[in-house]
Amino acid sequence: MNRLLKVPIVASRAFSSSSRHLRNKVPEAQKFFQEDNGLPVHIKGGTTDVLLYRATMALTLAGTCYSLYWLLVASMPQKKS
């Protein structure tokens, strides 16, 4: 029974902000992305950012072409059988 009375205390410690010390990384990221090194912001993160950017552009282009194809198909008159 004594253990059951300690459950709220243990639970509050688990979610307490004083139990974990998180470091704020935002100022470091701001310095990194705002420095003027001639690169666009979508490439400053390195190879991973470049790959994600290119994959996003490829999917966008493929989706646009696919949509235009089906708009063209839908605009054609249907053949009577």
PDB file of N, CA and C in Angstrom:
ATOM      1  N   MET A   1       0.825  -1.200   0.000  1.00  0.00           N
ATOM      2  CA  MET A   1       0.000   0.000   0.000  1.00  0.00           C
ATOM      3  C   MET A   1       0.859   1.251   0.000  1.00  0.00           C
ATOM      4  N   ASN A   2       1.988   1.158   0.687  1.00  0.00           N
ATOM      5  CA  ASN A   2       2.885   2.303   0.764  1.00  0.00           C
ATOM      6  C   ASN A   2       3.443   2.648  -0.619  1.00  0.00           C
ATOM      7  N   ARG A   3       3.683   1.631  -1.465  1.00  0.00           N
ATOM      8  CA  ARG A   3       4.185   1.862  -2.817  1.00  0.00           C
ATOM      9  C   ARG A   3       3.161   2.592  -3.672  1.00  0.00           C
ATOM     10  N   LEU A   4       1.894   2.297  -3.482  1.00  0.00           N
ATOM     11  CA  LEU A   4       0.846   2.959  -4.262  1.00  0.00           C
ATOM     12  C   LEU A   4       0.746   4.450  -3.922  1.00  0.00           C
ATOM     13  N   LEU A   5       1.067   4.807  -2.703  1.00  0.00           N
ATOM     14  CA  LEU A   5       1.019   6.202  -2.317  1.00  0.00           C
ATOM     15  C   LEU A   5       2.173   7.009  -2.933  1.00  0.00           C
ATOM     16  N   LYS A   6       3.255   6.328  -3.312  1.00  0.00           N
ATOM     17  CA  LYS A   6       4.411   7.005  -3.894  1.00  0.00           C
ATOM     18  C   LYS A   6       4.277   7.187  -5.413  1.00  0.00           C
ATOM     19  N   VAL A   7       3.302   6.565  -6.052  1.00  0.00           N
ATOM     20  CA  VAL A   7       3.147   6.647  -7.513  1.00  0.00           C
ATOM     21  C   VAL A   7       2.958   8.082  -8.003  1.00  0.00           C
ATOM     22  N   PRO A   8       2.112   8.913  -7.401  1.00  0.00           N
ATOM     23  CA  PRO A   8       1.987  10.289  -7.898  1.00  0.00           C
ATOM     24  C   PRO A   8       3.283  11.090  -7.793  1.00  0.00           C
ATOM     25  N   ILE A   9       4.063  10.842  -6.775  1.00  0.00           N
ATOM     26  CA  ILE A   9       5.334  11.560  -6.610  1.00  0.00           C
ATOM     27  C   ILE A   9       6.307  11.153  -7.702  1.00  0.00           C
ATOM     28  N   VAL A  10       6.406   9.858  -7.964  1.00  0.00           N
ATOM     29  CA  VAL A  10       7.311   9.365  -9.004  1.00  0.00           C
ATOM     30  C   VAL A  10       6.862   9.863 -10.375  1.00  0.00           C
ATOM     31  N   ALA A  11       5.567   9.865 -10.613  1.00  0.00           N
ATOM     32  CA  ALA A  11       5.047  10.333 -11.899  1.00  0.00           C
ATOM     33  C   ALA A  11       5.320  11.815 -12.103  1.00  0.00           C
ATOM     34  N   SER A  12       5.179  12.603 -11.065  1.00  0.00           N
ATOM     35  CA  SER A  12       5.436  14.034 -11.212  1.00  0.00           C
ATOM     36  C   SER A  12       6.922  14.304 -11.433  1.00  0.00           C
ATOM     37  N   ARG A  13       7.785  13.500 -10.876  1.00  0.00           N
ATOM     38  CA  ARG A  13       9.222  13.665 -11.107  1.00  0.00           C
ATOM     39  C   ARG A  13       9.589  13.315 -12.550  1.00  0.00           C
ATOM     40  N   ALA A  14       8.904  12.338 -13.121  1.00  0.00           N
ATOM     41  CA  ALA A  14       9.205  11.918 -14.489  1.00  0.00           C
ATOM     42  C   ALA A  14       8.880  13.019 -15.486  1.00  0.00           C
ATOM     43  N   PHE A  15       7.863  13.811 -15.214  1.00  0.00           N
ATOM     44  CA  PHE A  15       7.457  14.864 -16.123  1.00  0.00           C
ATOM     45  C   PHE A  15       7.917  16.249 -15.687  1.00  0.00           C
ATOM     46  N   SER A  16       8.675  16.311 -14.656  1.00  0.00           N
ATOM     47  CA  SER A  16       9.155  17.588 -14.153  1.00  0.00           C
ATOM     48  C   SER A  16      10.286  18.104 -15.036  1.00  0.00           C
ATOM     49  N   SER A  17      10.339  19.414 -15.217  1.00  0.00           N
ATOM     50  CA  SER A  17      11.392  19.989 -16.045  1.00  0.00           C
ATOM     51  C   SER A  17      12.731  20.014 -15.324  1.00  0.00           C
ATOM     52  N   SER A  18      12.712  19.890 -14.024  1.00  0.00           N
ATOM     53  CA  SER A  18      13.971  19.927 -13.283  1.00  0.00           C
ATOM     54  C   SER A  18      14.701  18.585 -13.327  1.00  0.00           C
ATOM     55  N   SER A  19      14.019  17.521 -13.734  1.00  0.00           N
ATOM     56  CA  SER A  19      14.673  16.223 -13.770  1.00  0.00           C
ATOM     57  C   SER A  19      15.561  16.076 -15.000  1.00  0.00           C
ATOM     58  N   ARG A  20      15.284  16.818 -16.076  1.00  0.00           N
ATOM     59  CA  ARG A  20      16.099  16.760 -17.287  1.00  0.00           C
ATOM     60  C   ARG A  20      16.652  18.145 -17.576  1.00  0.00           C
ATOM     61  N   HIS A  21      17.860  18.164 -18.026  1.00  0.00           N
ATOM     62  CA  HIS A  21      18.462  19.437 -18.397  1.00  0.00           C
ATOM     63  C   HIS A  21      18.673  19.427 -19.898  1.00  0.00           C
ATOM     64  N   LEU A  22      17.792  20.105 -20.610  1.00  0.00           N
ATOM     65  CA  LEU A  22      17.887  20.186 -22.062  1.00  0.00           C
ATOM     66  C   LEU A  22      18.591  21.478 -22.440  1.00  0.00           C
ATOM     67  N   ARG A  23      19.482  21.378 -23.398  1.00  0.00           N
ATOM     68  CA  ARG A  23      20.210  22.548 -23.849  1.00  0.00           C
ATOM     69  C   ARG A  23      19.496  23.151 -25.055  1.00  0.00           C
ATOM     70  N   ASN A  24      19.402  24.453 -25.084  1.00  0.00           N
ATOM     71  CA  ASN A  24      18.765  25.153 -26.191  1.00  0.00           C
ATOM     72  C   ASN A  24      19.741  25.217 -27.363  1.00  0.00           C
ATOM     73  N   LYS A  25      19.384  24.566 -28.479  1.00  0.00           N
ATOM     74  CA  LYS A  25      20.262  24.504 -29.643  1.00  0.00           C
ATOM     75  C   LYS A  25      19.875  25.526 -30.712  1.00  0.00           C
ATOM     76  N   VAL A  26      18.829  26.285 -30.491  1.00  0.00           N
ATOM     77  CA  VAL A  26      18.339  27.234 -31.491  1.00  0.00           C
ATOM     78  C   VAL A  26      19.358  28.316 -31.826  1.00  0.00           C
ATOM     79  N   PRO A  27      20.021  28.952 -30.858  1.00  0.00           N
ATOM     80  CA  PRO A  27      20.997  29.986 -31.228  1.00  0.00           C
ATOM     81  C   PRO A  27      22.126  29.461 -32.117  1.00  0.00           C
ATOM     82  N   GLU A  28      22.585  28.236 -31.858  1.00  0.00           N
ATOM     83  CA  GLU A  28      23.629  27.644 -32.695  1.00  0.00           C
ATOM     84  C   GLU A  28      23.119  27.432 -34.117  1.00  0.00           C
ATOM     85  N   ALA A  29      21.901  26.933 -34.253  1.00  0.00           N
ATOM     86  CA  ALA A  29      21.332  26.707 -35.579  1.00  0.00           C
ATOM     87  C   ALA A  29      21.112  28.026 -36.304  1.00  0.00           C
ATOM     88  N   GLN A  30      20.711  29.058 -35.591  1.00  0.00           N
ATOM     89  CA  GLN A  30      20.519  30.368 -36.218  1.00  0.00           C
ATOM     90  C   GLN A  30      21.837  30.904 -36.762  1.00  0.00           C
ATOM     91  N   LYS A  31      22.903  30.783 -35.991  1.00  0.00           N
ATOM     92  CA  LYS A  31      24.208  31.244 -36.464  1.00  0.00           C
ATOM     93  C   LYS A  31      24.634  30.468 -37.707  1.00  0.00           C
ATOM     94  N   PHE A  32      24.404  29.168 -37.683  1.00  0.00           N
ATOM     95  CA  PHE A  32      24.818  28.313 -38.793  1.00  0.00           C
ATOM     96  C   PHE A  32      24.060  28.652 -40.074  1.00  0.00           C
ATOM     97  N   PHE A  33      22.745  28.807 -39.978  1.00  0.00           N
ATOM     98  CA  PHE A  33      21.936  29.034 -41.172  1.00  0.00           C
ATOM     99  C   PHE A  33      21.936  30.488 -41.632  1.00  0.00           C
ATOM    100  N   GLN A  34      22.316  31.419 -40.775  1.00  0.00           N
ATOM    101  CA  GLN A  34      22.317  32.827 -41.168  1.00  0.00           C
ATOM    102  C   GLN A  34      23.678  33.318 -41.651  1.00  0.00           C
ATOM    103  N   GLU A  35      24.727  32.512 -41.529  1.00  0.00           N
ATOM    104  CA  GLU A  35      26.027  32.969 -42.001  1.00  0.00           C
ATOM    105  C   GLU A  35      26.030  33.030 -43.529  1.00  0.00           C
ATOM    106  N   ASP A  36      26.733  34.000 -44.065  1.00  0.00           N
ATOM    107  CA  ASP A  36      26.737  34.231 -45.506  1.00  0.00           C
ATOM    108  C   ASP A  36      27.902  33.474 -46.136  1.00  0.00           C
ATOM    109  N   ASN A  37      27.611  32.274 -46.642  1.00  0.00           N
ATOM    110  CA  ASN A  37      28.644  31.485 -47.303  1.00  0.00           C
ATOM    111  C   ASN A  37      28.283  31.182 -48.760  1.00  0.00           C
ATOM    112  N   GLY A  38      27.289  31.874 -49.299  1.00  0.00           N
ATOM    113  CA  GLY A  38      26.931  31.729 -50.705  1.00  0.00           C
ATOM    114  C   GLY A  38      26.014  30.565 -51.018  1.00  0.00           C
ATOM    115  N   LEU A  39      25.656  29.772 -50.033  1.00  0.00           N
ATOM    116  CA  LEU A  39      24.763  28.637 -50.271  1.00  0.00           C
ATOM    117  C   LEU A  39      23.329  29.009 -49.945  1.00  0.00           C
ATOM    118  N   PRO A  40      22.369  28.494 -50.733  1.00  0.00           N
ATOM    119  CA  PRO A  40      20.972  28.692 -50.358  1.00  0.00           C
ATOM    120  C   PRO A  40      20.662  27.933 -49.064  1.00  0.00           C
ATOM    121  N   VAL A  41      19.648  28.369 -48.368  1.00  0.00           N
ATOM    122  CA  VAL A  41      19.345  27.797 -47.049  1.00  0.00           C
ATOM    123  C   VAL A  41      18.932  26.322 -47.149  1.00  0.00           C
ATOM    124  N   HIS A  42      18.353  25.908 -48.276  1.00  0.00           N
ATOM    125  CA  HIS A  42      17.920  24.516 -48.384  1.00  0.00           C
ATOM    126  C   HIS A  42      19.077  23.560 -48.666  1.00  0.00           C
ATOM    127  N   ILE A  43      20.293  24.083 -48.833  1.00  0.00           N
ATOM    128  CA  ILE A  43      21.454  23.230 -49.075  1.00  0.00           C
ATOM    129  C   ILE A  43      22.466  23.336 -47.938  1.00  0.00           C
ATOM    130  N   LYS A  44      22.321  24.253 -47.034  1.00  0.00           N
ATOM    131  CA  LYS A  44      23.308  24.478 -45.969  1.00  0.00           C
ATOM    132  C   LYS A  44      23.455  23.291 -45.026  1.00  0.00           C
ATOM    133  N   GLY A  45      22.467  22.430 -44.941  1.00  0.00           N
ATOM    134  CA  GLY A  45      22.528  21.298 -44.022  1.00  0.00           C
ATOM    135  C   GLY A  45      23.398  20.161 -44.504  1.00  0.00           C
ATOM    136  N   GLY A  46      23.880  20.214 -45.746  1.00  0.00           N
ATOM    137  CA  GLY A  46      24.766  19.168 -46.245  1.00  0.00           C
ATOM    138  C   GLY A  46      24.079  18.227 -47.221  1.00  0.00           C
ATOM    139  N   THR A  47      24.648  17.047 -47.346  1.00  0.00           N
ATOM    140  CA  THR A  47      24.190  16.060 -48.324  1.00  0.00           C
ATOM    141  C   THR A  47      22.751  15.630 -48.074  1.00  0.00           C
ATOM    142  N   THR A  48      22.376  15.467 -46.840  1.00  0.00           N
ATOM    143  CA  THR A  48      21.012  15.039 -46.524  1.00  0.00           C
ATOM    144  C   THR A  48      19.996  16.066 -47.011  1.00  0.00           C
ATOM    145  N   ASP A  49      20.283  17.343 -46.797  1.00  0.00           N
ATOM    146  CA  ASP A  49      19.371  18.389 -47.257  1.00  0.00           C
ATOM    147  C   ASP A  49      19.281  18.417 -48.775  1.00  0.00           C
ATOM    148  N   VAL A  50      20.402  18.222 -49.447  1.00  0.00           N
ATOM    149  CA  VAL A  50      20.404  18.216 -50.914  1.00  0.00           C
ATOM    150  C   VAL A  50      19.558  17.060 -51.429  1.00  0.00           C
ATOM    151  N   LEU A  51      19.726  15.879 -50.833  1.00  0.00           N
ATOM    152  CA  LEU A  51      18.942  14.709 -51.267  1.00  0.00           C
ATOM    153  C   LEU A  51      17.454  14.903 -50.999  1.00  0.00           C
ATOM    154  N   LEU A  52      17.117  15.439 -49.840  1.00  0.00           N
ATOM    155  CA  LEU A  52      15.708  15.687 -49.532  1.00  0.00           C
ATOM    156  C   LEU A  52      15.108  16.717 -50.480  1.00  0.00           C
ATOM    157  N   TYR A  53      15.868  17.752 -50.805  1.00  0.00           N
ATOM    158  CA  TYR A  53      15.396  18.790 -51.730  1.00  0.00           C
ATOM    159  C   TYR A  53      15.146  18.198 -53.108  1.00  0.00           C
ATOM    160  N   ARG A  54      16.101  17.428 -53.605  1.00  0.00           N
ATOM    161  CA  ARG A  54      15.943  16.839 -54.937  1.00  0.00           C
ATOM    162  C   ARG A  54      14.810  15.825 -54.984  1.00  0.00           C
ATOM    163  N   ALA A  55      14.648  15.032 -53.934  1.00  0.00           N
ATOM    164  CA  ALA A  55      13.546  14.074 -53.889  1.00  0.00           C
ATOM    165  C   ALA A  55      12.203  14.801 -53.870  1.00  0.00           C
ATOM    166  N   THR A  56      12.127  15.885 -53.117  1.00  0.00           N
ATOM    167  CA  THR A  56      10.892  16.669 -53.061  1.00  0.00           C
ATOM    168  C   THR A  56      10.566  17.275 -54.420  1.00  0.00           C
ATOM    169  N   MET A  57      11.573  17.809 -55.089  1.00  0.00           N
ATOM    170  CA  MET A  57      11.352  18.399 -56.410  1.00  0.00           C
ATOM    171  C   MET A  57      10.948  17.333 -57.428  1.00  0.00           C
ATOM    172  N   ALA A  58      11.563  16.156 -57.358  1.00  0.00           N
ATOM    173  CA  ALA A  58      11.218  15.065 -58.281  1.00  0.00           C
ATOM    174  C   ALA A  58       9.776  14.598 -58.050  1.00  0.00           C
ATOM    175  N   LEU A  59       9.387  14.444 -56.797  1.00  0.00           N
ATOM    176  CA  LEU A  59       8.014  14.025 -56.495  1.00  0.00           C
ATOM    177  C   LEU A  59       7.007  15.087 -56.917  1.00  0.00           C
ATOM    178  N   THR A  60       7.347  16.352 -56.742  1.00  0.00           N
ATOM    179  CA  THR A  60       6.461  17.434 -57.149  1.00  0.00           C
ATOM    180  C   THR A  60       6.283  17.443 -58.654  1.00  0.00           C
ATOM    181  N   LEU A  61       7.381  17.296 -59.385  1.00  0.00           N
ATOM    182  CA  LEU A  61       7.313  17.276 -60.843  1.00  0.00           C
ATOM    183  C   LEU A  61       6.540  16.060 -61.342  1.00  0.00           C
ATOM    184  N   ALA A  62       6.792  14.897 -60.758  1.00  0.00           N
ATOM    185  CA  ALA A  62       6.084  13.678 -61.153  1.00  0.00           C
ATOM    186  C   ALA A  62       4.588  13.804 -60.853  1.00  0.00           C
ATOM    187  N   GLY A  63       4.237  14.340 -59.712  1.00  0.00           N
ATOM    188  CA  GLY A  63       2.828  14.511 -59.362  1.00  0.00           C
ATOM    189  C   GLY A  63       2.126  15.500 -60.271  1.00  0.00           C
ATOM    190  N   THR A  64       2.819  16.571 -60.646  1.00  0.00           N
ATOM    191  CA  THR A  64       2.234  17.550 -61.561  1.00  0.00           C
ATOM    192  C   THR A  64       1.995  16.932 -62.937  1.00  0.00           C
ATOM    193  N   CYS A  65       2.989  16.202 -63.441  1.00  0.00           N
ATOM    194  CA  CYS A  65       2.831  15.539 -64.744  1.00  0.00           C
ATOM    195  C   CYS A  65       1.701  14.519 -64.710  1.00  0.00           C
ATOM    196  N   TYR A  66       1.613  13.755 -63.629  1.00  0.00           N
ATOM    197  CA  TYR A  66       0.560  12.756 -63.481  1.00  0.00           C
ATOM    198  C   TYR A  66      -0.814  13.412 -63.457  1.00  0.00           C
ATOM    199  N   SER A  67      -0.937  14.512 -62.751  1.00  0.00           N
ATOM    200  CA  SER A  67      -2.214  15.236 -62.691  1.00  0.00           C
ATOM    201  C   SER A  67      -2.587  15.802 -64.055  1.00  0.00           C
ATOM    202  N   LEU A  68      -1.619  16.366 -64.751  1.00  0.00           N
ATOM    203  CA  LEU A  68      -1.895  16.899 -66.089  1.00  0.00           C
ATOM    204  C   LEU A  68      -2.288  15.797 -67.066  1.00  0.00           C
ATOM    205  N   TYR A  69      -1.657  14.636 -66.954  1.00  0.00           N
ATOM    206  CA  TYR A  69      -2.023  13.504 -67.805  1.00  0.00           C
ATOM    207  C   TYR A  69      -3.484  13.113 -67.590  1.00  0.00           C
ATOM    208  N   TRP A  70      -3.896  12.997 -66.324  1.00  0.00           N
ATOM    209  CA  TRP A  70      -5.269  12.584 -66.060  1.00  0.00           C
ATOM    210  C   TRP A  70      -6.275  13.685 -66.404  1.00  0.00           C
ATOM    211  N   LEU A  71      -5.874  14.939 -66.335  1.00  0.00           N
ATOM    212  CA  LEU A  71      -6.746  16.008 -66.811  1.00  0.00           C
ATOM    213  C   LEU A  71      -6.936  15.910 -68.324  1.00  0.00           C
ATOM    214  N   LEU A  72      -5.862  15.579 -69.031  1.00  0.00           N
ATOM    215  CA  LEU A  72      -5.944  15.389 -70.474  1.00  0.00           C
ATOM    216  C   LEU A  72      -6.835  14.194 -70.814  1.00  0.00           C
ATOM    217  N   VAL A  73      -6.663  13.104 -70.105  1.00  0.00           N
ATOM    218  CA  VAL A  73      -7.491  11.910 -70.340  1.00  0.00           C
ATOM    219  C   VAL A  73      -8.958  12.220 -70.053  1.00  0.00           C
ATOM    220  N   ALA A  74      -9.232  12.951 -68.996  1.00  0.00           N
ATOM    221  CA  ALA A  74     -10.612  13.259 -68.624  1.00  0.00           C
ATOM    222  C   ALA A  74     -11.244  14.244 -69.612  1.00  0.00           C
ATOM    223  N   SER A  75     -10.436  15.041 -70.282  1.00  0.00           N
ATOM    224  CA  SER A  75     -11.002  16.022 -71.214  1.00  0.00           C
ATOM    225  C   SER A  75     -11.300  15.431 -72.594  1.00  0.00           C
ATOM    226  N   MET A  76     -10.806  14.262 -72.880  1.00  0.00           N
ATOM    227  CA  MET A  76     -11.060  13.619 -74.169  1.00  0.00           C
ATOM    228  C   MET A  76     -12.459  13.010 -74.161  1.00  0.00           C
ATOM    229  N   PRO A  77     -13.149  13.073 -75.320  1.00  0.00           N
ATOM    230  CA  PRO A  77     -14.478  12.440 -75.381  1.00  0.00           C
ATOM    231  C   PRO A  77     -14.346  10.915 -75.296  1.00  0.00           C
ATOM    232  N   GLN A  78     -15.358  10.315 -74.668  1.00  0.00           N
ATOM    233  CA  GLN A  78     -15.339   8.858 -74.534  1.00  0.00           C
ATOM    234  C   GLN A  78     -15.794   8.220 -75.844  1.00  0.00           C
ATOM    235  N   LYS A  79     -15.213   7.061 -76.159  1.00  0.00           N
ATOM    236  CA  LYS A  79     -15.576   6.339 -77.347  1.00  0.00           C
ATOM    237  C   LYS A  79     -16.847   5.537 -77.073  1.00  0.00           C
ATOM    238  N   LYS A  80     -17.764   5.534 -78.048  1.00  0.00           N
ATOM    239  CA  LYS A  80     -18.986   4.740 -77.888  1.00  0.00           C
ATOM    240  C   LYS A  80     -18.709   3.327 -78.360  1.00  0.00           C
ATOM    241  N   SER A  81     -19.091   2.350 -77.544  1.00  0.00           N
ATOM    242  CA  SER A  81     -18.825   0.947 -77.893  1.00  0.00           C
ATOM    243  C   SER A  81     -19.977   0.339 -78.636  1.00  0.00           C
TER     244      SER A  81
END
